[in-house]
Amino acid sequence: MHVFVTGGTGTIGTAVVTELLAHGHTVVGLARSDASAALLETADAGILRGSLTDLGVLRSGAAAADGVINLAFSRDYSSADGLERGLVEERGAMETLGDALIGTGKPLVAVSGTPWVPGRLSTEVDPLPTDGPVGSRAVAVSALLALSAQGVRASVVRMPRTVHENGRGGFAGLLTDAARRSGTAGYPGDGTQRWPAVHARDAATLFRLALESAPGGSSWHAVADEGDRVLDIATVIGRRLGLPVEPVPDETFGPLGPIFAMDQPASSAQTRRALGWEPTHPSLLDDLELLHP
């Protein structure tokens, strides 16, 4: 399959491109910079220059492909405005990619987060919440999945709060970055809230499986660790960096603070049964042991 991938040079995207190529697919990646283009070239992937806001480029990339995986997202988490701009860009990209594939029967795999459900693990059948800082993403994802009625084999892989590799990535990575800046391994809330996690290479396998076989309108959970306590995550970070571990105000983490403070465990039982996905790479807490001061 010839696959068009956006966001193919990030933590998840790099692993996805490698996974696709290793299983006989060809890849063209969207590259907004010379550095991104160089990474794709090194991976033996094709290059299409442009950004997530170049809708004409996205349309041509999708039209020329046998399938699409959309992973790109702005990483401006410094303010509510920055986060909202990223969500608007993502929504426009999903709409454009989906429109380009209407009536073709081709797969389009998008990404979202796992939902949170009070008092229990969230599952693949739970709806994404439409409130909160990223509620608009749920609306965009629902519209994308609805394209299955118009001849697009659209599916979504819901990612946990931390996608990690070599001790880096996701919400745990943001905690690590904040610890290095502040000199304290801080954690929001009381630390008992749980975050699900997955290794990037395990997540990449699930994206490939969804591309190859997921039915239109389906949602899947890329969850390996159902829920690590935030205090346990911060404790490993503090120990590895030689820093004190302390609670900090939710506001320390900007617009993501309310999400950081939530208890958000998730299950992937249905995904494993239906797609035969089985994570094999290190857990988050084991991966964080690779951190260096």
Foldseek 3Di string as FASTA:
>chain_A
DEEEEEPLPDQQNVLLCLVQVVVPYAYEYEDADPVRCVSCVVSVHHYQYDHLQPLVSLLVSLLPGLEYEYDDFDPPQAALVSNVVRLVSSLSSLVSSLVSCFPPLAEYEYEAAFAADPPDAGEQPDQHALDASNNVNSVSLQVSLVSLVRRYQYEYEHEWQFADDLQDTGPLNVLLVLCVVPLESEAEDPQQAWTFYAYSNLVSVLVVLCNVDNGRSGYFYRGDGQTDGRQLSSVLSCVQAVGHYYYDYLCSSYSCSVVRNHRHGHDGVVVCVPRVRDGDDDGNSVSNNSDHD
